[in-house]
Amino acid sequence: MRLLRVIVFLLVAALLALTGYAYFGDMSADPRTTRVPVRLDLGAAPTTAPPAPAATAEPAEPPVDPAADPGAPGDADALD
């Protein structure tokens, strides 16, 4: 019976300590300014983007013919 009283006392003391820490502990967040851009044209019609400039990149290489390359993967003759 005496051990039960000690356990109950420790539980009550732990709850009181937790409550006191929650109220008096320094758990406040540091204030900081946050700026987030917001678009306000929700009901407006979508605007068209300006045309993209002409591509000046080099032309792509032609596809490789697997029959012309004897060591290409998937070539049945290369396995023999």
PDB file of N, CA and C in Angstrom:
ATOM      1  N   MET A   1       0.825  -1.182   0.000  1.00  0.00           N
ATOM      2  CA  MET A   1       0.000   0.000   0.000  1.00  0.00           C
ATOM      3  C   MET A   1       0.876   1.257   0.000  1.00  0.00           C
ATOM      4  N   ARG A   2       1.979   1.143   0.716  1.00  0.00           N
ATOM      5  CA  ARG A   2       2.875   2.293   0.805  1.00  0.00           C
ATOM      6  C   ARG A   2       3.521   2.575  -0.555  1.00  0.00           C
ATOM      7  N   LEU A   3       3.863   1.517  -1.322  1.00  0.00           N
ATOM      8  CA  LEU A   3       4.460   1.665  -2.652  1.00  0.00           C
ATOM      9  C   LEU A   3       3.466   2.322  -3.616  1.00  0.00           C
ATOM     10  N   LEU A   4       2.197   1.995  -3.494  1.00  0.00           N
ATOM     11  CA  LEU A   4       1.163   2.601  -4.332  1.00  0.00           C
ATOM     12  C   LEU A   4       1.070   4.107  -4.085  1.00  0.00           C
ATOM     13  N   ARG A   5       1.172   4.520  -2.830  1.00  0.00           N
ATOM     14  CA  ARG A   5       1.145   5.954  -2.512  1.00  0.00           C
ATOM     15  C   ARG A   5       2.348   6.674  -3.120  1.00  0.00           C
ATOM     16  N   VAL A   6       3.508   6.050  -3.105  1.00  0.00           N
ATOM     17  CA  VAL A   6       4.709   6.654  -3.677  1.00  0.00           C
ATOM     18  C   VAL A   6       4.550   6.809  -5.189  1.00  0.00           C
ATOM     19  N   ILE A   7       4.019   5.781  -5.850  1.00  0.00           N
ATOM     20  CA  ILE A   7       3.818   5.843  -7.300  1.00  0.00           C
ATOM     21  C   ILE A   7       2.809   6.930  -7.663  1.00  0.00           C
ATOM     22  N   VAL A   8       1.699   7.004  -6.936  1.00  0.00           N
ATOM     23  CA  VAL A   8       0.685   8.039  -7.196  1.00  0.00           C
ATOM     24  C   VAL A   8       1.272   9.426  -6.957  1.00  0.00           C
ATOM     25  N   PHE A   9       2.034   9.575  -5.885  1.00  0.00           N
ATOM     26  CA  PHE A   9       2.669  10.871  -5.605  1.00  0.00           C
ATOM     27  C   PHE A   9       3.619  11.264  -6.719  1.00  0.00           C
ATOM     28  N   LEU A  10       4.431  10.327  -7.211  1.00  0.00           N
ATOM     29  CA  LEU A  10       5.366  10.630  -8.291  1.00  0.00           C
ATOM     30  C   LEU A  10       4.629  10.988  -9.588  1.00  0.00           C
ATOM     31  N   LEU A  11       3.529  10.305  -9.885  1.00  0.00           N
ATOM     32  CA  LEU A  11       2.739  10.629 -11.073  1.00  0.00           C
ATOM     33  C   LEU A  11       2.138  12.032 -10.985  1.00  0.00           C
ATOM     34  N   VAL A  12       1.588  12.363  -9.821  1.00  0.00           N
ATOM     35  CA  VAL A  12       1.008  13.699  -9.635  1.00  0.00           C
ATOM     36  C   VAL A  12       2.100  14.761  -9.715  1.00  0.00           C
ATOM     37  N   ALA A  13       3.258  14.502  -9.130  1.00  0.00           N
ATOM     38  CA  ALA A  13       4.362  15.457  -9.184  1.00  0.00           C
ATOM     39  C   ALA A  13       4.852  15.629 -10.623  1.00  0.00           C
ATOM     40  N   ALA A  14       4.910  14.548 -11.382  1.00  0.00           N
ATOM     41  CA  ALA A  14       5.339  14.638 -12.780  1.00  0.00           C
ATOM     42  C   ALA A  14       4.342  15.440 -13.605  1.00  0.00           C
ATOM     43  N   LEU A  15       3.059  15.227 -13.381  1.00  0.00           N
ATOM     44  CA  LEU A  15       2.042  15.998 -14.113  1.00  0.00           C
ATOM     45  C   LEU A  15       2.103  17.476 -13.750  1.00  0.00           C
ATOM     46  N   LEU A  16       2.303  17.780 -12.475  1.00  0.00           N
ATOM     47  CA  LEU A  16       2.424  19.177 -12.062  1.00  0.00           C
ATOM     48  C   LEU A  16       3.680  19.816 -12.660  1.00  0.00           C
ATOM     49  N   ALA A  17       4.775  19.083 -12.703  1.00  0.00           N
ATOM     50  CA  ALA A  17       6.007  19.606 -13.277  1.00  0.00           C
ATOM     51  C   ALA A  17       5.841  19.854 -14.776  1.00  0.00           C
ATOM     52  N   LEU A  18       5.185  18.947 -15.468  1.00  0.00           N
ATOM     53  CA  LEU A  18       4.940  19.117 -16.898  1.00  0.00           C
ATOM     54  C   LEU A  18       4.031  20.311 -17.157  1.00  0.00           C
ATOM     55  N   THR A  19       3.005  20.472 -16.360  1.00  0.00           N
ATOM     56  CA  THR A  19       2.102  21.612 -16.506  1.00  0.00           C
ATOM     57  C   THR A  19       2.838  22.917 -16.220  1.00  0.00           C
ATOM     58  N   GLY A  20       3.647  22.949 -15.190  1.00  0.00           N
ATOM     59  CA  GLY A  20       4.414  24.153 -14.874  1.00  0.00           C
ATOM     60  C   GLY A  20       5.397  24.507 -15.979  1.00  0.00           C
ATOM     61  N   TYR A  21       6.052  23.512 -16.541  1.00  0.00           N
ATOM     62  CA  TYR A  21       6.988  23.774 -17.636  1.00  0.00           C
ATOM     63  C   TYR A  21       6.254  24.299 -18.866  1.00  0.00           C
ATOM     64  N   ALA A  22       5.065  23.773 -19.134  1.00  0.00           N
ATOM     65  CA  ALA A  22       4.293  24.220 -20.292  1.00  0.00           C
ATOM     66  C   ALA A  22       3.874  25.679 -20.136  1.00  0.00           C
ATOM     67  N   TYR A  23       3.524  26.092 -18.924  1.00  0.00           N
ATOM     68  CA  TYR A  23       3.094  27.469 -18.705  1.00  0.00           C
ATOM     69  C   TYR A  23       4.249  28.441 -18.531  1.00  0.00           C
ATOM     70  N   PHE A  24       5.285  28.033 -17.843  1.00  0.00           N
ATOM     71  CA  PHE A  24       6.347  28.966 -17.500  1.00  0.00           C
ATOM     72  C   PHE A  24       7.646  28.755 -18.268  1.00  0.00           C
ATOM     73  N   GLY A  25       7.736  27.670 -19.009  1.00  0.00           N
ATOM     74  CA  GLY A  25       8.945  27.406 -19.786  1.00  0.00           C
ATOM     75  C   GLY A  25       9.045  28.348 -20.971  1.00  0.00           C
ATOM     76  N   ASP A  26      10.245  28.550 -21.472  1.00  0.00           N
ATOM     77  CA  ASP A  26      10.452  29.440 -22.614  1.00  0.00           C
ATOM     78  C   ASP A  26      10.251  28.639 -23.895  1.00  0.00           C
ATOM     79  N   MET A  27       9.009  28.574 -24.347  1.00  0.00           N
ATOM     80  CA  MET A  27       8.704  27.821 -25.555  1.00  0.00           C
ATOM     81  C   MET A  27       8.132  28.733 -26.638  1.00  0.00           C
ATOM     82  N   SER A  28       8.379  30.021 -26.553  1.00  0.00           N
ATOM     83  CA  SER A  28       7.850  30.936 -27.563  1.00  0.00           C
ATOM     84  C   SER A  28       8.731  30.897 -28.802  1.00  0.00           C
ATOM     85  N   ALA A  29       8.098  31.057 -29.955  1.00  0.00           N
ATOM     86  CA  ALA A  29       8.834  31.042 -31.216  1.00  0.00           C
ATOM     87  C   ALA A  29       9.450  32.414 -31.461  1.00  0.00           C
ATOM     88  N   ASP A  30      10.606  32.439 -32.101  1.00  0.00           N
ATOM     89  CA  ASP A  30      11.243  33.697 -32.455  1.00  0.00           C
ATOM     90  C   ASP A  30      10.478  34.329 -33.620  1.00  0.00           C
ATOM     91  N   PRO A  31      10.082  35.591 -33.502  1.00  0.00           N
ATOM     92  CA  PRO A  31       9.340  36.222 -34.602  1.00  0.00           C
ATOM     93  C   PRO A  31      10.251  36.482 -35.790  1.00  0.00           C
ATOM     94  N   ARG A  32       9.731  36.243 -36.995  1.00  0.00           N
ATOM     95  CA  ARG A  32      10.478  36.547 -38.210  1.00  0.00           C
ATOM     96  C   ARG A  32       9.495  36.904 -39.317  1.00  0.00           C
ATOM     97  N   THR A  33       9.913  37.775 -40.193  1.00  0.00           N
ATOM     98  CA  THR A  33       9.068  38.257 -41.275  1.00  0.00           C
ATOM     99  C   THR A  33       9.095  37.254 -42.425  1.00  0.00           C
ATOM    100  N   THR A  34       7.918  36.932 -42.935  1.00  0.00           N
ATOM    101  CA  THR A  34       7.797  36.030 -44.074  1.00  0.00           C
ATOM    102  C   THR A  34       7.019  36.735 -45.159  1.00  0.00           C
ATOM    103  N   ARG A  35       7.568  36.756 -46.365  1.00  0.00           N
ATOM    104  CA  ARG A  35       6.883  37.370 -47.501  1.00  0.00           C
ATOM    105  C   ARG A  35       6.697  36.320 -48.584  1.00  0.00           C
ATOM    106  N   VAL A  36       5.452  36.181 -49.032  1.00  0.00           N
ATOM    107  CA  VAL A  36       5.124  35.219 -50.073  1.00  0.00           C
ATOM    108  C   VAL A  36       4.356  35.958 -51.165  1.00  0.00           C
ATOM    109  N   PRO A  37       4.824  35.904 -52.425  1.00  0.00           N
ATOM    110  CA  PRO A  37       4.088  36.576 -53.493  1.00  0.00           C
ATOM    111  C   PRO A  37       2.775  35.845 -53.783  1.00  0.00           C
ATOM    112  N   VAL A  38       1.737  36.628 -54.081  1.00  0.00           N
ATOM    113  CA  VAL A  38       0.413  36.075 -54.334  1.00  0.00           C
ATOM    114  C   VAL A  38      -0.115  36.635 -55.643  1.00  0.00           C
ATOM    115  N   ARG A  39      -0.644  35.757 -56.519  1.00  0.00           N
ATOM    116  CA  ARG A  39      -1.275  36.213 -57.761  1.00  0.00           C
ATOM    117  C   ARG A  39      -2.746  36.459 -57.475  1.00  0.00           C
ATOM    118  N   LEU A  40      -3.238  37.613 -57.895  1.00  0.00           N
ATOM    119  CA  LEU A  40      -4.625  37.973 -57.606  1.00  0.00           C
ATOM    120  C   LEU A  40      -5.513  37.971 -58.854  1.00  0.00           C
ATOM    121  N   ASP A  41      -5.077  37.354 -59.950  1.00  0.00           N
ATOM    122  CA  ASP A  41      -5.878  37.322 -61.158  1.00  0.00           C
ATOM    123  C   ASP A  41      -6.622  35.994 -61.293  1.00  0.00           C
ATOM    124  N   LEU A  42      -7.280  35.565 -60.249  1.00  0.00           N
ATOM    125  CA  LEU A  42      -7.918  34.255 -60.235  1.00  0.00           C
ATOM    126  C   LEU A  42      -9.087  34.159 -61.207  1.00  0.00           C
ATOM    127  N   GLY A  43      -9.849  35.238 -61.378  1.00  0.00           N
ATOM    128  CA  GLY A  43     -11.012  35.186 -62.254  1.00  0.00           C
ATOM    129  C   GLY A  43     -10.726  35.699 -63.646  1.00  0.00           C
ATOM    130  N   ALA A  44      -9.555  36.203 -63.911  1.00  0.00           N
ATOM    131  CA  ALA A  44      -9.232  36.780 -65.208  1.00  0.00           C
ATOM    132  C   ALA A  44      -8.929  35.676 -66.212  1.00  0.00           C
ATOM    133  N   ALA A  45      -9.131  36.019 -67.494  1.00  0.00           N
ATOM    134  CA  ALA A  45      -8.817  35.083 -68.560  1.00  0.00           C
ATOM    135  C   ALA A  45      -7.309  34.906 -68.636  1.00  0.00           C
ATOM    136  N   PRO A  46      -6.847  33.732 -68.988  1.00  0.00           N
ATOM    137  CA  PRO A  46      -5.406  33.527 -69.064  1.00  0.00           C
ATOM    138  C   PRO A  46      -4.796  34.339 -70.197  1.00  0.00           C
ATOM    139  N   THR A  47      -3.647  34.895 -69.928  1.00  0.00           N
ATOM    140  CA  THR A  47      -2.962  35.673 -70.960  1.00  0.00           C
ATOM    141  C   THR A  47      -2.058  34.749 -71.753  1.00  0.00           C
ATOM    142  N   THR A  48      -1.859  35.091 -73.010  1.00  0.00           N
ATOM    143  CA  THR A  48      -0.995  34.263 -73.840  1.00  0.00           C
ATOM    144  C   THR A  48       0.438  34.693 -73.641  1.00  0.00           C
ATOM    145  N   ALA A  49       1.311  33.744 -73.663  1.00  0.00           N
ATOM    146  CA  ALA A  49       2.729  34.028 -73.492  1.00  0.00           C
ATOM    147  C   ALA A  49       3.292  34.556 -74.800  1.00  0.00           C
ATOM    148  N   PRO A  50       4.313  35.408 -74.744  1.00  0.00           N
ATOM    149  CA  PRO A  50       4.912  35.897 -75.984  1.00  0.00           C
ATOM    150  C   PRO A  50       5.548  34.730 -76.734  1.00  0.00           C
ATOM    151  N   PRO A  51       5.608  34.819 -78.056  1.00  0.00           N
ATOM    152  CA  PRO A  51       6.185  33.698 -78.816  1.00  0.00           C
ATOM    153  C   PRO A  51       7.646  33.499 -78.460  1.00  0.00           C
ATOM    154  N   ALA A  52       8.039  32.245 -78.421  1.00  0.00           N
ATOM    155  CA  ALA A  52       9.416  31.908 -78.077  1.00  0.00           C
ATOM    156  C   ALA A  52      10.322  32.251 -79.248  1.00  0.00           C
ATOM    157  N   PRO A  53      11.542  32.686 -78.974  1.00  0.00           N
ATOM    158  CA  PRO A  53      12.462  32.981 -80.073  1.00  0.00           C
ATOM    159  C   PRO A  53      12.811  31.703 -80.825  1.00  0.00           C
ATOM    160  N   ALA A  54      13.222  31.865 -82.073  1.00  0.00           N
ATOM    161  CA  ALA A  54      13.558  30.716 -82.896  1.00  0.00           C
ATOM    162  C   ALA A  54      14.745  29.979 -82.292  1.00  0.00           C
ATOM    163  N   ALA A  55      14.688  28.665 -82.358  1.00  0.00           N
ATOM    164  CA  ALA A  55      15.754  27.846 -81.797  1.00  0.00           C
ATOM    165  C   ALA A  55      16.984  27.934 -82.684  1.00  0.00           C
ATOM    166  N   THR A  56      18.134  28.150 -82.070  1.00  0.00           N
ATOM    167  CA  THR A  56      19.382  28.230 -82.817  1.00  0.00           C
ATOM    168  C   THR A  56      20.289  27.063 -82.481  1.00  0.00           C
ATOM    169  N   ALA A  57      19.729  26.027 -81.878  1.00  0.00           N
ATOM    170  CA  ALA A  57      20.538  24.880 -81.483  1.00  0.00           C
ATOM    171  C   ALA A  57      20.909  24.061 -82.714  1.00  0.00           C
ATOM    172  N   GLU A  58      21.935  23.258 -82.575  1.00  0.00           N
ATOM    173  CA  GLU A  58      22.367  22.401 -83.664  1.00  0.00           C
ATOM    174  C   GLU A  58      21.326  21.316 -83.898  1.00  0.00           C
ATOM    175  N   PRO A  59      21.189  20.839 -85.140  1.00  0.00           N
ATOM    176  CA  PRO A  59      20.198  19.789 -85.399  1.00  0.00           C
ATOM    177  C   PRO A  59      20.583  18.502 -84.681  1.00  0.00           C
ATOM    178  N   ALA A  60      19.569  17.725 -84.351  1.00  0.00           N
ATOM    179  CA  ALA A  60      19.807  16.467 -83.639  1.00  0.00           C
ATOM    180  C   ALA A  60      20.491  15.474 -84.564  1.00  0.00           C
ATOM    181  N   GLU A  61      21.254  14.566 -83.969  1.00  0.00           N
ATOM    182  CA  GLU A  61      21.920  13.534 -84.751  1.00  0.00           C
ATOM    183  C   GLU A  61      20.891  12.539 -85.260  1.00  0.00           C
ATOM    184  N   PRO A  62      21.105  11.980 -86.453  1.00  0.00           N
ATOM    185  CA  PRO A  62      20.144  11.000 -86.974  1.00  0.00           C
ATOM    186  C   PRO A  62      20.177   9.737 -86.118  1.00  0.00           C
ATOM    187  N   PRO A  63      19.081   8.994 -86.067  1.00  0.00           N
ATOM    188  CA  PRO A  63      19.070   7.767 -85.260  1.00  0.00           C
ATOM    189  C   PRO A  63      20.060   6.753 -85.812  1.00  0.00           C
ATOM    190  N   VAL A  64      20.622   5.962 -84.913  1.00  0.00           N
ATOM    191  CA  VAL A  64      21.609   4.965 -85.293  1.00  0.00           C
ATOM    192  C   VAL A  64      20.888   3.720 -85.791  1.00  0.00           C
ATOM    193  N   ASP A  65      21.326   3.199 -86.954  1.00  0.00           N
ATOM    194  CA  ASP A  65      20.743   1.997 -87.520  1.00  0.00           C
ATOM    195  C   ASP A  65      21.422   0.792 -86.874  1.00  0.00           C
ATOM    196  N   PRO A  66      20.675  -0.058 -86.112  1.00  0.00           N
ATOM    197  CA  PRO A  66      21.304  -1.184 -85.435  1.00  0.00           C
ATOM    198  C   PRO A  66      21.926  -2.189 -86.410  1.00  0.00           C
ATOM    199  N   ALA A  67      21.408  -2.274 -87.630  1.00  0.00           N
ATOM    200  CA  ALA A  67      21.950  -3.232 -88.586  1.00  0.00           C
ATOM    201  C   ALA A  67      23.327  -2.789 -89.073  1.00  0.00           C
ATOM    202  N   ALA A  68      23.612  -1.491 -89.057  1.00  0.00           N
ATOM    203  CA  ALA A  68      24.893  -0.992 -89.529  1.00  0.00           C
ATOM    204  C   ALA A  68      25.988  -1.160 -88.481  1.00  0.00           C
ATOM    205  N   ASP A  69      25.636  -1.281 -87.215  1.00  0.00           N
ATOM    206  CA  ASP A  69      26.615  -1.400 -86.133  1.00  0.00           C
ATOM    207  C   ASP A  69      26.629  -2.840 -85.631  1.00  0.00           C
ATOM    208  N   PRO A  70      27.676  -3.626 -85.959  1.00  0.00           N
ATOM    209  CA  PRO A  70      27.675  -5.034 -85.552  1.00  0.00           C
ATOM    210  C   PRO A  70      27.766  -5.245 -84.048  1.00  0.00           C
ATOM    211  N   GLY A  71      28.272  -4.303 -83.277  1.00  0.00           N
ATOM    212  CA  GLY A  71      28.401  -4.491 -81.836  1.00  0.00           C
ATOM    213  C   GLY A  71      27.271  -3.869 -81.050  1.00  0.00           C
ATOM    214  N   ALA A  72      26.204  -3.461 -81.711  1.00  0.00           N
ATOM    215  CA  ALA A  72      25.091  -2.801 -81.025  1.00  0.00           C
ATOM    216  C   ALA A  72      24.330  -3.796 -80.174  1.00  0.00           C
ATOM    217  N   PRO A  73      23.782  -3.374 -79.053  1.00  0.00           N
ATOM    218  CA  PRO A  73      22.982  -4.273 -78.220  1.00  0.00           C
ATOM    219  C   PRO A  73      21.747  -4.710 -78.977  1.00  0.00           C
ATOM    220  N   GLY A  74      21.386  -5.949 -78.808  1.00  0.00           N
ATOM    221  CA  GLY A  74      20.197  -6.474 -79.467  1.00  0.00           C
ATOM    222  C   GLY A  74      20.511  -7.071 -80.828  1.00  0.00           C
ATOM    223  N   ASP A  75      21.754  -7.046 -81.225  1.00  0.00           N
ATOM    224  CA  ASP A  75      22.160  -7.607 -82.518  1.00  0.00           C
ATOM    225  C   ASP A  75      22.357  -9.111 -82.333  1.00  0.00           C
ATOM    226  N   ALA A  76      21.607  -9.892 -83.043  1.00  0.00           N
ATOM    227  CA  ALA A  76      21.647 -11.337 -82.874  1.00  0.00           C
ATOM    228  C   ALA A  76      22.968 -11.913 -83.372  1.00  0.00           C
ATOM    229  N   ASP A  77      23.573 -11.329 -84.413  1.00  0.00           N
ATOM    230  CA  ASP A  77      24.814 -11.859 -84.958  1.00  0.00           C
ATOM    231  C   ASP A  77      25.987 -11.627 -84.008  1.00  0.00           C
ATOM    232  N   ALA A  78      25.916 -10.622 -83.152  1.00  0.00           N
ATOM    233  CA  ALA A  78      27.019 -10.310 -82.252  1.00  0.00           C
ATOM    234  C   ALA A  78      27.161 -11.355 -81.165  1.00  0.00           C
ATOM    235  N   LEU A  79      26.091 -12.120 -80.882  1.00  0.00           N
ATOM    236  CA  LEU A  79      26.140 -13.130 -79.824  1.00  0.00           C
ATOM    237  C   LEU A  79      26.793 -14.420 -80.295  1.00  0.00           C
ATOM    238  N   ASP A  80      26.846 -14.658 -81.619  1.00  0.00           N
ATOM    239  CA  ASP A  80      27.423 -15.912 -82.125  1.00  0.00           C
ATOM    240  C   ASP A  80      28.914 -15.931 -82.110  1.00  0.00           C
TER     241      ASP A  80
END
